[in-house]
């Protein structure tokens, strides 16, 4: 399974005490896949929780927990429909991977930062966070990781990439 080349993955320790088995990845989406100093467009975390005995709240044995974070333009951040649109990105990402959001839940948060005093030269900044969790129906977690990658890239503002299409490098 391969994610888009703009995504850089790193394995990190999974959370302790939530489930007997855990794994976690962090990711960054950068404007250029070749330049490590390129602007970060989005970042996130993908956590797999596994309890062979299942947990009642999960309605299954595998629970996936994700976070996606991006900085948006203030005009986009002011849109009253932003939360609904961002949640639809999550649902669309799962659907594009052939998944349904079994026992899904989550939040969409936007934070507007305005600077004052000695910092008033800084422009307004809007941070968007999409937090979601859902239950995998089987042990094949590849499609779930691919859906998370799609959500990361959508939140980063990258255009959709149909299956089998290789992205051209961005021009400098």
Foldseek 3Di string as FASTA:
>chain_A
DDFALQKDKDWDDADPPPAPDKTKIKIWGFLFSVDPPGDTLKIKMKMWHAHPVDDPLQVDGIKIKMKMKGKDDVVLLPPPCNFVVLVVLLQVLQVVLVHHFASKDWGKDKDWDADDDPPNVDDIIIMIMTIMMGHDPDDPCVSVVRSVSSSNCVSSVHDDDDPPHHDDGDDD
